[in-house]
Amino acid sequence: MSLLAWSVALALSACSTQSQVVAEDASVPAQVRADDKVGATAGPEGADDTRAGSSDEGAPPKGSLPRSVILRVVTENTSELVACYEAELRRDPTLAGQVNVRFRIANSGDVDSVSVSRSTLDNPIVESCIVANIARWRFPEPEGDGIVVVNYPFNFSRGGEGKDAKAKKGAPVLDAATISNIVKANEPQLQKCYQETLEKHPSLAGDVAVKFTIENSGAVTDAVVMSSTLQSSEVESCITYTMLTWRFPPSADGDVVATKTFAFRIKQPYL
């Protein structure tokens, strides 16, 4: 199966080992500000919930970036991180795990600080390679002429093999009710995509139907807009970017394809 395609669809190109890296995103705010988290999904010991928010004297001013911008840049560069992983995968075919990376985007858009905050991959070579690559990433200049600090977890697996393989054996079938519940729990993220654009287009409203694929690891590997009356490529792209970061329970029945229609309406004030 091909690697995730994040182009709204966060898509990576397929490779011979069929490895996969998933950038998780459990609760991304509409605007990513200094020391706010992107993709704060709990790892084995839980995600780091520390938020800066303090205004220490002498500290650089805080800026902000739309979450869709953060996701787009991460998506465009994720293949570099896959290459880091695959180089070591040839030496250790069981290599798999999560790497949480903390990086700071300067007011110029350059990444001026990056480090691994937590890792279950337990491979310093891959982790150093990830850090070196992220340090070269370039983002748009943050709003407010300040900095943005991002915490981002990446999951690495070989697509059904490695340390997660035993866990997948005997995994339950992913039923429609489970899919529906997880979609419902994550739908507020998509509403944030809409609300963010609604500020610029106050009359924006409509429905967006998305077809998405869940592989047996629980990762969403494809998300495509099938139809839309919203007529906003900005919102539609944000929706598919975001859905590609969702995680479902592992399943024993292979890939699952689902279609969901999301309604976006202007909330009327109570009289």
C-alpha atoms as a PDB file:
ATOM      1  CA  MET A   1       0.000   0.000   0.000  1.00  0.00           C
ATOM      2  CA  SER A   2       1.329   3.451  -0.834  1.00  0.00           C
ATOM      3  CA  LEU A   3       2.502   5.914   1.774  1.00  0.00           C
ATOM      4  CA  LEU A   4       0.193   8.528   3.090  1.00  0.00           C
ATOM      5  CA  ALA A   5      -0.649  11.098   0.604  1.00  0.00           C
ATOM      6  CA  TRP A   6      -0.989  14.335   2.414  1.00  0.00           C
ATOM      7  CA  SER A   7      -1.889  16.727  -0.293  1.00  0.00           C
ATOM      8  CA  VAL A   8      -4.814  17.303   1.217  1.00  0.00           C
ATOM      9  CA  ALA A   9      -4.285  14.294   1.283  1.00  0.00           C
ATOM     10  CA  LEU A  10      -0.877  14.687   3.019  1.00  0.00           C
ATOM     11  CA  ALA A  11       0.667  12.193   0.587  1.00  0.00           C
ATOM     12  CA  LEU A  12       4.034  10.710   0.630  1.00  0.00           C
ATOM     13  CA  SER A  13       5.386   8.827  -2.361  1.00  0.00           C
ATOM     14  CA  ALA A  14       5.339   5.052  -2.212  1.00  0.00           C
ATOM     15  CA  CYS A  15       8.559   3.257  -1.411  1.00  0.00           C
ATOM     16  CA  SER A  16       9.762  -0.302  -1.659  1.00  0.00           C
ATOM     17  CA  THR A  17       9.500  -1.013   2.081  1.00  0.00           C
ATOM     18  CA  GLN A  18       5.982   0.431   2.322  1.00  0.00           C
ATOM     19  CA  SER A  19       6.888   2.278   5.495  1.00  0.00           C
ATOM     20  CA  GLN A  20       4.636   4.914   6.933  1.00  0.00           C
ATOM     21  CA  VAL A  21       5.011   8.028   9.010  1.00  0.00           C
ATOM     22  CA  VAL A  22       1.908   9.557  10.510  1.00  0.00           C
ATOM     23  CA  ALA A  23       1.901  13.063  11.898  1.00  0.00           C
ATOM     24  CA  GLU A  24      -0.798  12.991  14.529  1.00  0.00           C
ATOM     25  CA  ASP A  25      -3.061  15.889  15.322  1.00  0.00           C
ATOM     26  CA  ALA A  26      -5.542  15.420  18.122  1.00  0.00           C
ATOM     27  CA  SER A  27      -6.511  18.946  19.027  1.00  0.00           C
ATOM     28  CA  VAL A  28      -4.998  21.561  16.772  1.00  0.00           C
ATOM     29  CA  PRO A  29      -6.131  25.112  17.517  1.00  0.00           C
ATOM     30  CA  ALA A  30      -7.326  27.318  14.674  1.00  0.00           C
ATOM     31  CA  GLN A  31      -4.233  29.419  15.157  1.00  0.00           C
ATOM     32  CA  VAL A  32      -0.967  27.931  16.366  1.00  0.00           C
ATOM     33  CA  ARG A  33       0.692  30.342  18.744  1.00  0.00           C
ATOM     34  CA  ALA A  34       3.921  30.308  20.685  1.00  0.00           C
ATOM     35  CA  ASP A  35       4.162  27.154  22.782  1.00  0.00           C
ATOM     36  CA  ASP A  36       0.782  25.857  21.641  1.00  0.00           C
ATOM     37  CA  LYS A  37       0.767  22.251  20.443  1.00  0.00           C
ATOM     38  CA  VAL A  38       0.061  20.818  17.037  1.00  0.00           C
ATOM     39  CA  GLY A  39      -0.814  17.160  17.116  1.00  0.00           C
ATOM     40  CA  ALA A  40      -0.792  16.712  20.885  1.00  0.00           C
ATOM     41  CA  THR A  41      -1.727  13.044  20.745  1.00  0.00           C
ATOM     42  CA  ALA A  42      -0.791  10.993  23.772  1.00  0.00           C
ATOM     43  CA  GLY A  43       2.048   8.536  23.423  1.00  0.00           C
ATOM     44  CA  PRO A  44       2.594   5.527  25.705  1.00  0.00           C
ATOM     45  CA  GLU A  45       3.109   7.810  28.691  1.00  0.00           C
ATOM     46  CA  GLY A  46       0.745  10.596  27.574  1.00  0.00           C
ATOM     47  CA  ALA A  47       1.557  13.748  25.669  1.00  0.00           C
ATOM     48  CA  ASP A  48       3.377  16.648  27.246  1.00  0.00           C
ATOM     49  CA  ASP A  49       0.638  19.075  28.263  1.00  0.00           C
ATOM     50  CA  THR A  50       2.928  21.948  29.197  1.00  0.00           C
ATOM     51  CA  ARG A  51       1.951  25.242  27.610  1.00  0.00           C
ATOM     52  CA  ALA A  52       4.209  28.265  27.840  1.00  0.00           C
ATOM     53  CA  GLY A  53       1.852  31.188  27.745  1.00  0.00           C
ATOM     54  CA  SER A  54       4.079  33.106  30.131  1.00  0.00           C
ATOM     55  CA  SER A  55       5.561  36.419  29.172  1.00  0.00           C
ATOM     56  CA  ASP A  56       8.992  36.255  30.759  1.00  0.00           C
ATOM     57  CA  GLU A  57      10.904  39.471  30.590  1.00  0.00           C
ATOM     58  CA  GLY A  58      13.317  39.398  27.701  1.00  0.00           C
ATOM     59  CA  ALA A  59      11.521  36.479  26.008  1.00  0.00           C
ATOM     60  CA  PRO A  60      10.841  36.851  22.255  1.00  0.00           C
ATOM     61  CA  PRO A  61       7.316  38.018  21.360  1.00  0.00           C
ATOM     62  CA  LYS A  62       4.728  35.381  20.485  1.00  0.00           C
ATOM     63  CA  GLY A  63       3.476  35.048  16.936  1.00  0.00           C
ATOM     64  CA  SER A  64       0.825  32.836  15.375  1.00  0.00           C
ATOM     65  CA  LEU A  65       0.311  30.678  12.286  1.00  0.00           C
ATOM     66  CA  PRO A  66      -2.895  29.050  10.999  1.00  0.00           C
ATOM     67  CA  ARG A  67      -2.903  25.318  11.690  1.00  0.00           C
ATOM     68  CA  SER A  68      -3.465  24.627   7.994  1.00  0.00           C
ATOM     69  CA  VAL A  69      -0.144  26.337   7.240  1.00  0.00           C
ATOM     70  CA  ILE A  70       1.712  24.243   9.834  1.00  0.00           C
ATOM     71  CA  LEU A  71       0.162  21.050   8.453  1.00  0.00           C
ATOM     72  CA  ARG A  72       0.928  21.993   4.857  1.00  0.00           C
ATOM     73  CA  VAL A  73       4.621  22.606   5.498  1.00  0.00           C
ATOM     74  CA  VAL A  74       4.954  19.448   7.597  1.00  0.00           C
ATOM     75  CA  THR A  75       3.215  17.471   4.854  1.00  0.00           C
ATOM     76  CA  GLU A  76       5.447  18.835   2.114  1.00  0.00           C
ATOM     77  CA  ASN A  77       8.534  17.741   4.032  1.00  0.00           C
ATOM     78  CA  THR A  78       7.447  14.477   5.673  1.00  0.00           C
ATOM     79  CA  SER A  79       9.101  12.363   2.969  1.00  0.00           C
ATOM     80  CA  GLU A  80      12.461  13.525   4.352  1.00  0.00           C
ATOM     81  CA  LEU A  81      11.584  11.965   7.705  1.00  0.00           C
ATOM     82  CA  VAL A  82      10.472   8.751   6.009  1.00  0.00           C
ATOM     83  CA  ALA A  83      13.918   8.551   4.403  1.00  0.00           C
ATOM     84  CA  CYS A  84      15.537   8.872   7.852  1.00  0.00           C
ATOM     85  CA  TYR A  85      13.399   6.013   9.115  1.00  0.00           C
ATOM     86  CA  GLU A  86      13.841   3.740   6.108  1.00  0.00           C
ATOM     87  CA  ALA A  87      17.619   4.016   6.191  1.00  0.00           C
ATOM     88  CA  GLU A  88      17.602   2.371   9.637  1.00  0.00           C
ATOM     89  CA  LEU A  89      14.689   0.066   8.800  1.00  0.00           C
ATOM     90  CA  ARG A  90      16.990  -1.847   6.460  1.00  0.00           C
ATOM     91  CA  ARG A  91      19.217  -2.598   9.442  1.00  0.00           C
ATOM     92  CA  ASP A  92      16.381  -3.257  11.889  1.00  0.00           C
ATOM     93  CA  PRO A  93      13.175  -4.496  10.169  1.00  0.00           C
ATOM     94  CA  THR A  94      11.241  -4.343  13.482  1.00  0.00           C
ATOM     95  CA  LEU A  95      11.889  -0.625  13.978  1.00  0.00           C
ATOM     96  CA  ALA A  96       8.703   1.292  14.839  1.00  0.00           C
ATOM     97  CA  GLY A  97       7.561   3.927  17.281  1.00  0.00           C
ATOM     98  CA  GLN A  98       6.648   7.544  17.925  1.00  0.00           C
ATOM     99  CA  VAL A  99       8.967  10.551  17.918  1.00  0.00           C
ATOM    100  CA  ASN A 100       7.695  13.767  19.524  1.00  0.00           C
ATOM    101  CA  VAL A 101       9.527  16.789  18.152  1.00  0.00           C
ATOM    102  CA  ARG A 102       9.514  20.308  19.547  1.00  0.00           C
ATOM    103  CA  PHE A 103      10.593  23.059  17.184  1.00  0.00           C
ATOM    104  CA  ARG A 104      10.532  26.834  17.174  1.00  0.00           C
ATOM    105  CA  ILE A 105       9.631  28.943  14.155  1.00  0.00           C
ATOM    106  CA  ALA A 106      11.380  32.310  14.224  1.00  0.00           C
ATOM    107  CA  ASN A 107       9.730  35.524  13.018  1.00  0.00           C
ATOM    108  CA  SER A 108      11.607  35.024   9.741  1.00  0.00           C
ATOM    109  CA  GLY A 109       9.872  31.659   9.160  1.00  0.00           C
ATOM    110  CA  ASP A 110      13.090  29.695   9.715  1.00  0.00           C
ATOM    111  CA  VAL A 111      13.230  26.884  12.276  1.00  0.00           C
ATOM    112  CA  ASP A 112      15.816  28.161  14.740  1.00  0.00           C
ATOM    113  CA  SER A 113      15.473  25.454  17.399  1.00  0.00           C
ATOM    114  CA  VAL A 114      14.469  21.785  17.236  1.00  0.00           C
ATOM    115  CA  SER A 115      14.765  18.835  19.606  1.00  0.00           C
ATOM    116  CA  VAL A 116      13.221  15.433  20.368  1.00  0.00           C
ATOM    117  CA  SER A 117      11.067  15.790  23.475  1.00  0.00           C
ATOM    118  CA  ARG A 118      10.053  12.114  23.700  1.00  0.00           C
ATOM    119  CA  SER A 119      10.626   9.000  21.617  1.00  0.00           C
ATOM    120  CA  THR A 120       9.509   5.382  21.675  1.00  0.00           C
ATOM    121  CA  LEU A 121      11.437   4.690  18.481  1.00  0.00           C
ATOM    122  CA  ASP A 122      14.596   4.394  20.595  1.00  0.00           C
ATOM    123  CA  ASN A 123      16.936   5.036  17.685  1.00  0.00           C
ATOM    124  CA  PRO A 124      19.320   8.017  18.050  1.00  0.00           C
ATOM    125  CA  ILE A 125      20.364   7.810  14.384  1.00  0.00           C
ATOM    126  CA  VAL A 126      16.812   8.289  13.096  1.00  0.00           C
ATOM    127  CA  GLU A 127      16.062  10.920  15.727  1.00  0.00           C
ATOM    128  CA  SER A 128      19.187  12.933  14.838  1.00  0.00           C
ATOM    129  CA  CYS A 129      18.296  12.719  11.159  1.00  0.00           C
ATOM    130  CA  ILE A 130      14.764  13.962  11.883  1.00  0.00           C
ATOM    131  CA  VAL A 131      16.097  16.910  13.894  1.00  0.00           C
ATOM    132  CA  ALA A 132      18.591  17.840  11.155  1.00  0.00           C
ATOM    133  CA  ASN A 133      15.895  17.827   8.486  1.00  0.00           C
ATOM    134  CA  ILE A 134      13.313  19.808  10.448  1.00  0.00           C
ATOM    135  CA  ALA A 135      15.988  22.413  11.187  1.00  0.00           C
ATOM    136  CA  ARG A 136      16.050  23.158   7.439  1.00  0.00           C
ATOM    137  CA  TRP A 137      12.296  23.595   7.075  1.00  0.00           C
ATOM    138  CA  ARG A 138      10.924  26.984   6.122  1.00  0.00           C
ATOM    139  CA  PHE A 139       7.517  28.334   7.172  1.00  0.00           C
ATOM    140  CA  PRO A 140       5.735  31.575   6.283  1.00  0.00           C
ATOM    141  CA  GLU A 141       6.557  34.430   8.634  1.00  0.00           C
ATOM    142  CA  PRO A 142       4.340  34.190  11.757  1.00  0.00           C
ATOM    143  CA  GLU A 143       1.664  36.801  12.265  1.00  0.00           C
ATOM    144  CA  GLY A 144       2.488  39.341  14.946  1.00  0.00           C
ATOM    145  CA  ASP A 145       6.207  39.337  14.117  1.00  0.00           C
ATOM    146  CA  GLY A 146       6.870  36.797  16.872  1.00  0.00           C
ATOM    147  CA  ILE A 147       7.848  33.154  17.316  1.00  0.00           C
ATOM    148  CA  VAL A 148       5.756  29.974  17.213  1.00  0.00           C
ATOM    149  CA  VAL A 149       6.730  26.868  19.192  1.00  0.00           C
ATOM    150  CA  VAL A 150       5.265  23.603  17.918  1.00  0.00           C
ATOM    151  CA  ASN A 151       5.143  20.154  19.529  1.00  0.00           C
ATOM    152  CA  TYR A 152       4.522  17.516  16.858  1.00  0.00           C
ATOM    153  CA  PRO A 153       4.415  13.699  17.273  1.00  0.00           C
ATOM    154  CA  PHE A 154       5.298  11.460  14.308  1.00  0.00           C
ATOM    155  CA  ASN A 155       4.476   7.735  14.254  1.00  0.00           C
ATOM    156  CA  PHE A 156       6.734   5.458  12.229  1.00  0.00           C
ATOM    157  CA  SER A 157       5.778   1.953  11.124  1.00  0.00           C
ATOM    158  CA  ARG A 158       6.408  -0.372   8.232  1.00  0.00           C
ATOM    159  CA  GLY A 159       2.762  -0.769   7.244  1.00  0.00           C
ATOM    160  CA  GLY A 160       1.701  -3.853   9.138  1.00  0.00           C
ATOM    161  CA  GLU A 161       5.139  -5.112  10.196  1.00  0.00           C
ATOM    162  CA  GLY A 162       7.504  -4.303  13.028  1.00  0.00           C
ATOM    163  CA  LYS A 163       6.769  -3.851  16.721  1.00  0.00           C
ATOM    164  CA  ASP A 164       3.033  -3.253  16.141  1.00  0.00           C
ATOM    165  CA  ALA A 165       2.503  -6.461  14.146  1.00  0.00           C
ATOM    166  CA  LYS A 166       1.719  -8.644  17.168  1.00  0.00           C
ATOM    167  CA  ALA A 167      -0.791  -6.133  18.442  1.00  0.00           C
ATOM    168  CA  LYS A 168      -2.597  -6.171  15.103  1.00  0.00           C
ATOM    169  CA  LYS A 169      -3.039  -9.934  15.166  1.00  0.00           C
ATOM    170  CA  GLY A 170      -6.435 -10.625  16.602  1.00  0.00           C
ATOM    171  CA  ALA A 171      -7.402  -6.959  16.480  1.00  0.00           C
ATOM    172  CA  PRO A 172     -11.162  -6.370  16.258  1.00  0.00           C
ATOM    173  CA  VAL A 173     -12.979  -5.453  13.074  1.00  0.00           C
ATOM    174  CA  LEU A 174     -13.415  -1.691  12.712  1.00  0.00           C
ATOM    175  CA  ASP A 175     -17.197  -1.306  12.629  1.00  0.00           C
ATOM    176  CA  ALA A 176     -19.320   1.576  11.392  1.00  0.00           C
ATOM    177  CA  ALA A 177     -20.338   2.649  14.902  1.00  0.00           C
ATOM    178  CA  THR A 178     -16.714   3.019  16.015  1.00  0.00           C
ATOM    179  CA  ILE A 179     -15.838   5.013  12.897  1.00  0.00           C
ATOM    180  CA  SER A 180     -18.867   7.257  13.422  1.00  0.00           C
ATOM    181  CA  ASN A 181     -17.992   7.906  17.077  1.00  0.00           C
ATOM    182  CA  ILE A 182     -14.402   8.850  16.302  1.00  0.00           C
ATOM    183  CA  VAL A 183     -15.443  11.083  13.406  1.00  0.00           C
ATOM    184  CA  LYS A 184     -17.945  12.800  15.693  1.00  0.00           C
ATOM    185  CA  ALA A 185     -15.312  13.302  18.402  1.00  0.00           C
ATOM    186  CA  ASN A 186     -12.918  14.891  15.907  1.00  0.00           C
ATOM    187  CA  GLU A 187     -15.443  16.912  13.914  1.00  0.00           C
ATOM    188  CA  PRO A 188     -14.856  20.088  15.986  1.00  0.00           C
ATOM    189  CA  GLN A 189     -11.411  20.249  14.362  1.00  0.00           C
ATOM    190  CA  LEU A 190     -13.108  20.559  10.961  1.00  0.00           C
ATOM    191  CA  GLN A 191     -15.460  23.210  12.273  1.00  0.00           C
ATOM    192  CA  LYS A 192     -12.361  25.199  13.221  1.00  0.00           C
ATOM    193  CA  CYS A 193     -11.274  25.041   9.581  1.00  0.00           C
ATOM    194  CA  TYR A 194     -14.647  26.547   8.677  1.00  0.00           C
ATOM    195  CA  GLN A 195     -14.725  29.165  11.438  1.00  0.00           C
ATOM    196  CA  GLU A 196     -11.245  30.371  10.549  1.00  0.00           C
ATOM    197  CA  THR A 197     -12.309  31.056   6.944  1.00  0.00           C
ATOM    198  CA  LEU A 198     -15.735  32.347   7.947  1.00  0.00           C
ATOM    199  CA  GLU A 199     -14.068  35.422   9.411  1.00  0.00           C
ATOM    200  CA  LYS A 200     -12.959  36.366   5.899  1.00  0.00           C
ATOM    201  CA  HIS A 201     -16.122  35.164   4.110  1.00  0.00           C
ATOM    202  CA  PRO A 202     -19.094  35.785   6.455  1.00  0.00           C
ATOM    203  CA  SER A 203     -21.699  34.220   4.134  1.00  0.00           C
ATOM    204  CA  LEU A 204     -19.808  30.943   3.684  1.00  0.00           C
ATOM    205  CA  ALA A 205     -21.949  27.817   4.202  1.00  0.00           C
ATOM    206  CA  GLY A 206     -22.427  24.388   2.640  1.00  0.00           C
ATOM    207  CA  ASP A 207     -21.771  20.652   2.829  1.00  0.00           C
ATOM    208  CA  VAL A 208     -18.539  18.762   2.128  1.00  0.00           C
ATOM    209  CA  ALA A 209     -18.500  15.002   1.412  1.00  0.00           C
ATOM    210  CA  VAL A 210     -15.157  13.312   2.074  1.00  0.00           C
ATOM    211  CA  LYS A 211     -14.097   9.766   1.246  1.00  0.00           C
ATOM    212  CA  PHE A 212     -11.282   8.512   3.467  1.00  0.00           C
ATOM    213  CA  THR A 213      -9.304   5.312   3.848  1.00  0.00           C
ATOM    214  CA  ILE A 214      -8.310   3.782   7.202  1.00  0.00           C
ATOM    215  CA  GLU A 215      -5.555   1.173   7.065  1.00  0.00           C
ATOM    216  CA  ASN A 216      -5.310  -1.700   9.546  1.00  0.00           C
ATOM    217  CA  SER A 217      -2.948   0.274  11.802  1.00  0.00           C
ATOM    218  CA  GLY A 218      -5.706   2.838  12.343  1.00  0.00           C
ATOM    219  CA  ALA A 219      -4.024   5.584  10.319  1.00  0.00           C
ATOM    220  CA  VAL A 220      -5.974   7.558   7.730  1.00  0.00           C
ATOM    221  CA  THR A 221      -3.971   7.160   4.544  1.00  0.00           C
ATOM    222  CA  ASP A 222      -6.170   9.009   2.083  1.00  0.00           C
ATOM    223  CA  ALA A 223      -8.824  11.732   2.272  1.00  0.00           C
ATOM    224  CA  VAL A 224     -10.513  13.153  -0.807  1.00  0.00           C
ATOM    225  CA  VAL A 225     -13.349  15.648  -1.223  1.00  0.00           C
ATOM    226  CA  MET A 226     -15.980  13.889  -3.343  1.00  0.00           C
ATOM    227  CA  SER A 227     -18.465  16.754  -3.523  1.00  0.00           C
ATOM    228  CA  SER A 228     -18.876  20.181  -2.002  1.00  0.00           C
ATOM    229  CA  THR A 229     -21.432  22.978  -1.960  1.00  0.00           C
ATOM    230  CA  LEU A 230     -19.168  25.043   0.274  1.00  0.00           C
ATOM    231  CA  GLN A 231     -17.079  26.170  -2.686  1.00  0.00           C
ATOM    232  CA  SER A 232     -14.054  26.992  -0.555  1.00  0.00           C
ATOM    233  CA  SER A 233     -10.819  25.245  -1.481  1.00  0.00           C
ATOM    234  CA  GLU A 234      -9.231  26.701   1.655  1.00  0.00           C
ATOM    235  CA  VAL A 235     -11.693  24.979   3.982  1.00  0.00           C
ATOM    236  CA  GLU A 236     -11.739  21.769   1.928  1.00  0.00           C
ATOM    237  CA  SER A 237      -7.944  21.539   2.006  1.00  0.00           C
ATOM    238  CA  CYS A 238      -7.890  22.147   5.752  1.00  0.00           C
ATOM    239  CA  ILE A 239     -10.504  19.411   6.229  1.00  0.00           C
ATOM    240  CA  THR A 240      -8.553  16.785   4.316  1.00  0.00           C
ATOM    241  CA  TYR A 241      -5.231  17.794   5.877  1.00  0.00           C
ATOM    242  CA  THR A 242      -6.793  17.429   9.306  1.00  0.00           C
ATOM    243  CA  MET A 243      -8.540  14.122   8.639  1.00  0.00           C
ATOM    244  CA  LEU A 244      -5.253  12.590   7.541  1.00  0.00           C
ATOM    245  CA  THR A 245      -3.990  13.108  11.087  1.00  0.00           C
ATOM    246  CA  TRP A 246      -6.874  11.204  12.709  1.00  0.00           C
ATOM    247  CA  ARG A 247      -6.281   7.829  14.353  1.00  0.00           C
ATOM    248  CA  PHE A 248      -8.696   4.917  14.623  1.00  0.00           C
ATOM    249  CA  PRO A 249      -8.290   1.622  16.533  1.00  0.00           C
ATOM    250  CA  PRO A 250      -6.186  -1.025  14.742  1.00  0.00           C
ATOM    251  CA  SER A 251      -8.279  -3.435  12.722  1.00  0.00           C
ATOM    252  CA  ALA A 252      -7.864  -7.004  11.549  1.00  0.00           C
ATOM    253  CA  ASP A 253      -9.908  -6.621   8.377  1.00  0.00           C
ATOM    254  CA  GLY A 254      -7.508  -4.584   6.205  1.00  0.00           C
ATOM    255  CA  ASP A 255      -8.266  -1.185   4.743  1.00  0.00           C
ATOM    256  CA  VAL A 256     -11.640   0.390   5.458  1.00  0.00           C
ATOM    257  CA  VAL A 257     -13.070   3.043   3.117  1.00  0.00           C
ATOM    258  CA  ALA A 258     -15.729   5.384   4.469  1.00  0.00           C
ATOM    259  CA  THR A 259     -17.567   8.465   3.235  1.00  0.00           C
ATOM    260  CA  LYS A 260     -18.853  11.225   5.490  1.00  0.00           C
ATOM    261  CA  THR A 261     -20.704  14.447   4.713  1.00  0.00           C
ATOM    262  CA  PHE A 262     -19.975  17.395   6.985  1.00  0.00           C
ATOM    263  CA  ALA A 263     -22.351  20.354   7.267  1.00  0.00           C
ATOM    264  CA  PHE A 264     -21.008  23.849   7.821  1.00  0.00           C
ATOM    265  CA  ARG A 265     -23.506  26.511   8.804  1.00  0.00           C
ATOM    266  CA  ILE A 266     -23.375  29.998  10.249  1.00  0.00           C
ATOM    267  CA  LYS A 267     -24.506  29.850  13.856  1.00  0.00           C
ATOM    268  CA  GLN A 268     -27.379  32.231  14.452  1.00  0.00           C
ATOM    269  CA  PRO A 269     -27.275  34.196  17.711  1.00  0.00           C
ATOM    270  CA  TYR A 270     -29.928  33.440  20.293  1.00  0.00           C
ATOM    271  CA  LEU A 271     -32.665  36.092  20.484  1.00  0.00           C
END
